[in-house]
Amino acid sequence: MDAPIVCTEAADSELPFDVFARTCPSRETLEHVTGRWGSLTIGALREGPCRFNELRRRVEGVSEKMLSQTLHALERDGVVHREAQPTNPPRVDYELTPLGVEVADRLISLIHLLEGNMPQVLSARQFYDETRGGR
């Protein structure tokens, strides 16, 4: 078995990985989890296992290609489990792993925080646009 990859340790951390280090593999996982399609896919799977097309309908706007790439990356990172049923036609279900559930719980908290504060966000956007000539 390969030895674990250890990144430059952060000065104030006892963890062997540091997402702020350029070559740390945790940075790639953070990108998979917090990217638009990754976070929406994880959030959708928090509601329970889904088949591919169910996920695609739930995560409006995601293309088949992007959803497939997202699911592959999340499966590789151990966040999503893919289960292929030996049926005809084949049935494939996706669900969160225990790590995925923990990630989803934190993402859902962030999503709820943002949704609950959208009036402030929209007001800030309007102020910015009016004072800086934006959109």
N, C-alpha and C. Protein backbone atom coordinates (compact mmCIF):
# COMPACT_ATOMS: atom_id res chain seq x y z
N MET A 1 0.84 -1.19 0.00
CA MET A 1 0.00 0.00 0.00
C MET A 1 0.88 1.24 0.00
N ASP A 2 0.51 2.23 -0.78
CA ASP A 2 1.30 3.45 -0.87
C ASP A 2 1.23 4.23 0.42
N ALA A 3 2.32 4.92 0.73
CA ALA A 3 2.34 5.80 1.89
C ALA A 3 1.44 6.99 1.63
N PRO A 4 0.76 7.50 2.66
CA PRO A 4 -0.13 8.65 2.44
C PRO A 4 0.66 9.87 2.00
N ILE A 5 0.03 10.67 1.17
CA ILE A 5 0.62 11.93 0.73
C ILE A 5 0.47 12.93 1.86
N VAL A 6 1.54 13.57 2.23
CA VAL A 6 1.49 14.57 3.29
C VAL A 6 1.88 15.91 2.69
N CYS A 7 1.08 16.91 2.97
CA CYS A 7 1.33 18.25 2.47
C CYS A 7 2.05 19.07 3.52
N THR A 8 2.55 20.20 3.10
CA THR A 8 3.14 21.11 4.05
C THR A 8 2.12 21.45 5.11
N GLU A 9 2.49 21.24 6.34
CA GLU A 9 1.55 21.47 7.43
C GLU A 9 1.34 22.96 7.66
N ALA A 10 0.10 23.34 7.88
CA ALA A 10 -0.20 24.72 8.21
C ALA A 10 0.36 25.01 9.58
N ALA A 11 0.80 26.23 9.79
CA ALA A 11 1.43 26.60 11.06
C ALA A 11 0.52 26.40 12.26
N ASP A 12 -0.78 26.62 12.09
CA ASP A 12 -1.71 26.53 13.21
C ASP A 12 -2.56 25.27 13.17
N SER A 13 -2.10 24.24 12.49
CA SER A 13 -2.89 23.03 12.34
C SER A 13 -2.08 21.79 12.67
N GLU A 14 -2.76 20.79 13.20
CA GLU A 14 -2.12 19.51 13.45
C GLU A 14 -2.47 18.50 12.36
N LEU A 15 -3.22 18.94 11.36
CA LEU A 15 -3.60 18.06 10.27
C LEU A 15 -2.46 17.90 9.27
N PRO A 16 -2.31 16.71 8.69
CA PRO A 16 -1.22 16.51 7.73
C PRO A 16 -1.50 17.09 6.34
N PHE A 17 -2.71 17.59 6.12
CA PHE A 17 -3.05 18.17 4.83
C PHE A 17 -3.35 19.65 4.99
N ASP A 18 -2.97 20.42 3.98
CA ASP A 18 -3.17 21.87 4.01
C ASP A 18 -3.72 22.31 2.65
N VAL A 19 -5.01 22.61 2.61
CA VAL A 19 -5.67 22.96 1.36
C VAL A 19 -5.05 24.21 0.71
N PHE A 20 -4.34 25.00 1.49
CA PHE A 20 -3.71 26.20 0.95
C PHE A 20 -2.38 25.91 0.26
N ALA A 21 -1.85 24.70 0.44
CA ALA A 21 -0.62 24.30 -0.24
C ALA A 21 -0.96 23.91 -1.68
N ARG A 22 -0.23 24.43 -2.61
CA ARG A 22 -0.52 24.25 -4.04
C ARG A 22 -0.65 22.80 -4.46
N THR A 23 0.17 21.92 -3.94
CA THR A 23 0.18 20.53 -4.40
C THR A 23 -0.62 19.58 -3.52
N CYS A 24 -1.32 20.08 -2.54
CA CYS A 24 -2.06 19.22 -1.63
C CYS A 24 -3.30 18.63 -2.33
N PRO A 25 -3.50 17.31 -2.25
CA PRO A 25 -4.66 16.70 -2.90
C PRO A 25 -5.99 17.13 -2.29
N SER A 26 -5.96 17.68 -1.09
CA SER A 26 -7.22 18.14 -0.48
C SER A 26 -7.81 19.30 -1.28
N ARG A 27 -6.97 20.05 -1.97
CA ARG A 27 -7.45 21.17 -2.78
C ARG A 27 -8.36 20.68 -3.90
N GLU A 28 -7.98 19.58 -4.55
CA GLU A 28 -8.78 19.03 -5.64
C GLU A 28 -10.13 18.53 -5.11
N THR A 29 -10.11 17.88 -3.96
CA THR A 29 -11.37 17.39 -3.37
C THR A 29 -12.26 18.56 -2.98
N LEU A 30 -11.68 19.60 -2.42
CA LEU A 30 -12.46 20.79 -2.07
C LEU A 30 -13.13 21.37 -3.31
N GLU A 31 -12.41 21.39 -4.42
CA GLU A 31 -12.97 21.89 -5.67
C GLU A 31 -14.14 21.01 -6.13
N HIS A 32 -13.99 19.71 -6.02
CA HIS A 32 -15.07 18.79 -6.43
C HIS A 32 -16.32 18.99 -5.58
N VAL A 33 -16.12 19.20 -4.30
CA VAL A 33 -17.24 19.30 -3.35
C VAL A 33 -17.91 20.67 -3.41
N THR A 34 -17.13 21.73 -3.61
CA THR A 34 -17.69 23.08 -3.54
C THR A 34 -17.97 23.70 -4.90
N GLY A 35 -17.59 23.04 -5.97
CA GLY A 35 -17.92 23.54 -7.29
C GLY A 35 -19.44 23.53 -7.47
N ARG A 36 -19.91 24.30 -8.41
CA ARG A 36 -21.36 24.43 -8.61
C ARG A 36 -22.04 23.07 -8.71
N TRP A 37 -21.59 22.22 -9.61
CA TRP A 37 -22.29 20.96 -9.83
C TRP A 37 -22.04 19.97 -8.70
N GLY A 38 -20.86 20.00 -8.13
CA GLY A 38 -20.56 19.09 -7.02
C GLY A 38 -21.43 19.38 -5.81
N SER A 39 -21.51 20.64 -5.42
CA SER A 39 -22.30 20.98 -4.23
C SER A 39 -23.79 20.72 -4.46
N LEU A 40 -24.28 21.01 -5.66
CA LEU A 40 -25.70 20.76 -5.95
C LEU A 40 -26.00 19.26 -6.01
N THR A 41 -25.09 18.50 -6.55
CA THR A 41 -25.27 17.04 -6.63
C THR A 41 -25.26 16.43 -5.23
N ILE A 42 -24.32 16.86 -4.41
CA ILE A 42 -24.25 16.35 -3.04
C ILE A 42 -25.51 16.75 -2.27
N GLY A 43 -25.94 17.98 -2.45
CA GLY A 43 -27.18 18.43 -1.80
C GLY A 43 -28.38 17.62 -2.23
N ALA A 44 -28.47 17.30 -3.51
CA ALA A 44 -29.59 16.50 -4.01
C ALA A 44 -29.53 15.08 -3.46
N LEU A 45 -28.34 14.51 -3.37
CA LEU A 45 -28.20 13.15 -2.86
C LEU A 45 -28.43 13.07 -1.35
N ARG A 46 -28.38 14.22 -0.67
CA ARG A 46 -28.66 14.23 0.78
C ARG A 46 -30.10 13.81 1.03
N GLU A 47 -30.95 14.01 0.05
CA GLU A 47 -32.36 13.64 0.17
C GLU A 47 -32.57 12.13 0.01
N GLY A 48 -31.55 11.41 -0.45
CA GLY A 48 -31.63 9.97 -0.61
C GLY A 48 -31.03 9.52 -1.92
N PRO A 49 -30.87 8.19 -2.08
CA PRO A 49 -30.28 7.65 -3.31
C PRO A 49 -31.09 8.06 -4.54
N CYS A 50 -30.39 8.23 -5.66
CA CYS A 50 -31.04 8.63 -6.92
C CYS A 50 -30.40 7.89 -8.08
N ARG A 51 -31.20 7.72 -9.10
CA ARG A 51 -30.68 7.27 -10.38
C ARG A 51 -30.18 8.50 -11.13
N PHE A 52 -29.39 8.26 -12.17
CA PHE A 52 -28.75 9.35 -12.91
C PHE A 52 -29.77 10.37 -13.40
N ASN A 53 -30.81 9.92 -14.08
CA ASN A 53 -31.78 10.86 -14.65
C ASN A 53 -32.59 11.59 -13.58
N GLU A 54 -32.82 10.94 -12.44
CA GLU A 54 -33.48 11.63 -11.32
C GLU A 54 -32.60 12.78 -10.84
N LEU A 55 -31.31 12.51 -10.72
CA LEU A 55 -30.37 13.56 -10.31
C LEU A 55 -30.34 14.69 -11.32
N ARG A 56 -30.33 14.33 -12.58
CA ARG A 56 -30.27 15.34 -13.64
C ARG A 56 -31.50 16.25 -13.61
N ARG A 57 -32.66 15.68 -13.32
CA ARG A 57 -33.88 16.50 -13.21
C ARG A 57 -33.83 17.36 -11.96
N ARG A 58 -33.29 16.82 -10.87
CA ARG A 58 -33.25 17.55 -9.60
C ARG A 58 -32.27 18.73 -9.68
N VAL A 59 -31.13 18.52 -10.30
CA VAL A 59 -30.10 19.56 -10.42
C VAL A 59 -30.31 20.25 -11.77
N GLU A 60 -31.25 21.14 -11.81
CA GLU A 60 -31.61 21.81 -13.06
C GLU A 60 -30.42 22.53 -13.68
N GLY A 61 -30.29 22.36 -14.99
CA GLY A 61 -29.25 23.07 -15.72
C GLY A 61 -27.98 22.28 -15.94
N VAL A 62 -27.79 21.18 -15.22
CA VAL A 62 -26.56 20.40 -15.41
C VAL A 62 -26.71 19.54 -16.66
N SER A 63 -25.66 19.51 -17.47
CA SER A 63 -25.68 18.67 -18.66
C SER A 63 -25.37 17.22 -18.26
N GLU A 64 -25.73 16.32 -19.13
CA GLU A 64 -25.44 14.91 -18.88
C GLU A 64 -23.93 14.70 -18.69
N LYS A 65 -23.15 15.34 -19.53
CA LYS A 65 -21.68 15.21 -19.46
C LYS A 65 -21.14 15.74 -18.13
N MET A 66 -21.60 16.91 -17.72
CA MET A 66 -21.10 17.50 -16.46
C MET A 66 -21.52 16.68 -15.25
N LEU A 67 -22.76 16.18 -15.25
CA LEU A 67 -23.20 15.36 -14.14
C LEU A 67 -22.39 14.08 -14.06
N SER A 68 -22.13 13.47 -15.21
CA SER A 68 -21.32 12.26 -15.24
C SER A 68 -19.91 12.52 -14.71
N GLN A 69 -19.28 13.60 -15.15
CA GLN A 69 -17.94 13.95 -14.68
C GLN A 69 -17.95 14.24 -13.18
N THR A 70 -18.98 14.94 -12.72
CA THR A 70 -19.09 15.28 -11.31
C THR A 70 -19.23 14.02 -10.46
N LEU A 71 -20.12 13.12 -10.88
CA LEU A 71 -20.32 11.87 -10.13
C LEU A 71 -19.05 11.03 -10.10
N HIS A 72 -18.33 10.97 -11.21
CA HIS A 72 -17.06 10.21 -11.24
C HIS A 72 -16.07 10.80 -10.25
N ALA A 73 -15.93 12.12 -10.24
CA ALA A 73 -14.98 12.78 -9.33
C ALA A 73 -15.37 12.55 -7.87
N LEU A 74 -16.66 12.69 -7.57
CA LEU A 74 -17.12 12.50 -6.19
C LEU A 74 -17.01 11.04 -5.75
N GLU A 75 -17.21 10.13 -6.69
CA GLU A 75 -17.02 8.71 -6.37
C GLU A 75 -15.55 8.42 -6.09
N ARG A 76 -14.69 8.97 -6.90
CA ARG A 76 -13.24 8.78 -6.72
C ARG A 76 -12.78 9.33 -5.37
N ASP A 77 -13.38 10.44 -4.95
CA ASP A 77 -13.02 11.06 -3.67
C ASP A 77 -13.67 10.36 -2.47
N GLY A 78 -14.53 9.39 -2.72
CA GLY A 78 -15.15 8.66 -1.63
C GLY A 78 -16.36 9.35 -1.03
N VAL A 79 -16.93 10.29 -1.76
CA VAL A 79 -18.09 11.05 -1.28
C VAL A 79 -19.39 10.42 -1.76
N VAL A 80 -19.34 9.81 -2.94
CA VAL A 80 -20.52 9.19 -3.55
C VAL A 80 -20.22 7.71 -3.82
N HIS A 81 -21.23 6.88 -3.60
CA HIS A 81 -21.14 5.45 -3.92
C HIS A 81 -22.04 5.17 -5.11
N ARG A 82 -21.51 4.45 -6.07
CA ARG A 82 -22.25 4.06 -7.28
C ARG A 82 -22.55 2.58 -7.20
N GLU A 83 -23.82 2.23 -7.34
CA GLU A 83 -24.24 0.83 -7.27
C GLU A 83 -24.93 0.46 -8.57
N ALA A 84 -24.32 -0.46 -9.33
CA ALA A 84 -24.91 -0.93 -10.58
C ALA A 84 -25.66 -2.23 -10.29
N GLN A 85 -26.94 -2.25 -10.63
CA GLN A 85 -27.78 -3.43 -10.45
C GLN A 85 -27.73 -4.27 -11.72
N PRO A 86 -27.58 -5.58 -11.57
CA PRO A 86 -27.50 -6.45 -12.76
C PRO A 86 -28.90 -6.76 -13.31
N THR A 87 -29.54 -5.73 -13.82
CA THR A 87 -30.88 -5.89 -14.39
C THR A 87 -30.82 -5.53 -15.86
N ASN A 88 -31.91 -5.81 -16.55
CA ASN A 88 -31.99 -5.43 -17.95
C ASN A 88 -33.21 -4.55 -18.14
N PRO A 89 -33.09 -3.27 -18.46
CA PRO A 89 -31.83 -2.55 -18.65
C PRO A 89 -31.11 -2.34 -17.32
N PRO A 90 -29.80 -2.06 -17.39
CA PRO A 90 -29.03 -1.86 -16.17
C PRO A 90 -29.59 -0.69 -15.35
N ARG A 91 -29.55 -0.83 -14.05
CA ARG A 91 -29.99 0.24 -13.15
C ARG A 91 -28.79 0.65 -12.31
N VAL A 92 -28.52 1.94 -12.28
CA VAL A 92 -27.40 2.47 -11.50
C VAL A 92 -27.95 3.49 -10.51
N ASP A 93 -27.66 3.27 -9.25
CA ASP A 93 -28.06 4.19 -8.19
C ASP A 93 -26.83 4.87 -7.61
N TYR A 94 -27.02 6.11 -7.21
CA TYR A 94 -25.97 6.89 -6.57
C TYR A 94 -26.45 7.28 -5.19
N GLU A 95 -25.55 7.18 -4.21
CA GLU A 95 -25.89 7.62 -2.87
C GLU A 95 -24.63 8.13 -2.18
N LEU A 96 -24.83 8.89 -1.13
CA LEU A 96 -23.71 9.42 -0.38
C LEU A 96 -23.09 8.34 0.51
N THR A 97 -21.79 8.40 0.64
CA THR A 97 -21.07 7.56 1.60
C THR A 97 -21.20 8.24 2.97
N PRO A 98 -20.74 7.60 4.04
CA PRO A 98 -20.75 8.31 5.33
C PRO A 98 -20.00 9.65 5.28
N LEU A 99 -18.86 9.68 4.58
CA LEU A 99 -18.15 10.96 4.40
C LEU A 99 -19.02 11.93 3.62
N GLY A 100 -19.70 11.44 2.60
CA GLY A 100 -20.57 12.29 1.79
C GLY A 100 -21.71 12.88 2.60
N VAL A 101 -22.27 12.10 3.51
CA VAL A 101 -23.35 12.61 4.38
C VAL A 101 -22.82 13.74 5.26
N GLU A 102 -21.62 13.56 5.80
CA GLU A 102 -21.03 14.62 6.64
C GLU A 102 -20.77 15.88 5.82
N VAL A 103 -20.26 15.72 4.61
CA VAL A 103 -20.02 16.87 3.73
C VAL A 103 -21.36 17.52 3.38
N ALA A 104 -22.36 16.71 3.05
CA ALA A 104 -23.68 17.23 2.68
C ALA A 104 -24.31 18.02 3.82
N ASP A 105 -24.19 17.53 5.04
CA ASP A 105 -24.75 18.25 6.18
C ASP A 105 -24.17 19.65 6.29
N ARG A 106 -22.88 19.76 6.08
CA ARG A 106 -22.23 21.08 6.15
C ARG A 106 -22.62 21.96 4.97
N LEU A 107 -22.72 21.36 3.78
CA LEU A 107 -23.14 22.12 2.60
C LEU A 107 -24.58 22.61 2.75
N ILE A 108 -25.46 21.76 3.26
CA ILE A 108 -26.86 22.15 3.43
C ILE A 108 -26.96 23.31 4.41
N SER A 109 -26.15 23.31 5.44
CA SER A 109 -26.14 24.45 6.38
C SER A 109 -25.74 25.73 5.66
N LEU A 110 -24.74 25.65 4.81
CA LEU A 110 -24.31 26.81 4.04
C LEU A 110 -25.39 27.25 3.06
N ILE A 111 -26.01 26.29 2.39
CA ILE A 111 -27.09 26.60 1.45
C ILE A 111 -28.23 27.31 2.16
N HIS A 112 -28.63 26.79 3.32
CA HIS A 112 -29.73 27.42 4.07
C HIS A 112 -29.34 28.82 4.55
N LEU A 113 -28.09 28.99 4.96
CA LEU A 113 -27.62 30.32 5.36
C LEU A 113 -27.74 31.30 4.20
N LEU A 114 -27.30 30.88 3.02
CA LEU A 114 -27.37 31.76 1.85
C LEU A 114 -28.81 32.04 1.43
N GLU A 115 -29.63 31.00 1.38
CA GLU A 115 -31.02 31.19 0.99
C GLU A 115 -31.73 32.14 1.97
N GLY A 116 -31.44 31.99 3.25
CA GLY A 116 -32.08 32.83 4.26
C GLY A 116 -31.62 34.28 4.24
N ASN A 117 -30.48 34.52 3.63
CA ASN A 117 -29.93 35.87 3.59
C ASN A 117 -29.95 36.48 2.19
N MET A 118 -30.70 35.90 1.29
CA MET A 118 -30.75 36.42 -0.08
C MET A 118 -31.27 37.85 -0.17
N PRO A 119 -32.22 38.28 0.66
CA PRO A 119 -32.59 39.70 0.57
C PRO A 119 -31.39 40.63 0.80
N GLN A 120 -30.52 40.29 1.75
CA GLN A 120 -29.32 41.09 1.99
C GLN A 120 -28.37 41.02 0.79
N VAL A 121 -28.22 39.85 0.23
CA VAL A 121 -27.33 39.67 -0.92
C VAL A 121 -27.85 40.48 -2.10
N LEU A 122 -29.14 40.38 -2.38
CA LEU A 122 -29.70 41.12 -3.51
C LEU A 122 -29.60 42.62 -3.31
N SER A 123 -29.79 43.07 -2.08
CA SER A 123 -29.65 44.49 -1.77
C SER A 123 -28.20 44.93 -1.98
N ALA A 124 -27.24 44.11 -1.53
CA ALA A 124 -25.82 44.44 -1.71
C ALA A 124 -25.47 44.49 -3.19
N ARG A 125 -25.99 43.55 -3.97
CA ARG A 125 -25.74 43.55 -5.42
C ARG A 125 -26.28 44.82 -6.06
N GLN A 126 -27.49 45.18 -5.69
CA GLN A 126 -28.11 46.37 -6.26
C GLN A 126 -27.29 47.61 -5.91
N PHE A 127 -26.88 47.73 -4.66
CA PHE A 127 -26.07 48.87 -4.22
C PHE A 127 -24.75 48.90 -5.00
N TYR A 128 -24.11 47.75 -5.12
CA TYR A 128 -22.85 47.66 -5.85
C TYR A 128 -23.03 48.11 -7.30
N ASP A 129 -24.05 47.56 -7.95
CA ASP A 129 -24.30 47.89 -9.34
C ASP A 129 -24.60 49.36 -9.54
N GLU A 130 -25.36 49.94 -8.62
CA GLU A 130 -25.71 51.36 -8.74
C GLU A 130 -24.52 52.27 -8.49
N THR A 131 -23.65 51.89 -7.57
CA THR A 131 -22.53 52.77 -7.22
C THR A 131 -21.28 52.52 -8.05
N ARG A 132 -21.18 51.35 -8.66
CA ARG A 132 -19.98 51.03 -9.43
C ARG A 132 -20.28 50.84 -10.91
N GLY A 133 -21.50 51.11 -11.32
CA GLY A 133 -21.84 50.99 -12.73
C GLY A 133 -21.80 49.55 -13.23
N GLY A 134 -22.06 48.64 -12.35
CA GLY A 134 -22.07 47.22 -12.74
C GLY A 134 -23.28 46.91 -13.58
N ARG A 135 -23.48 45.68 -13.82
CA ARG A 135 -24.57 45.12 -14.63
C ARG A 135 -25.67 46.08 -14.74
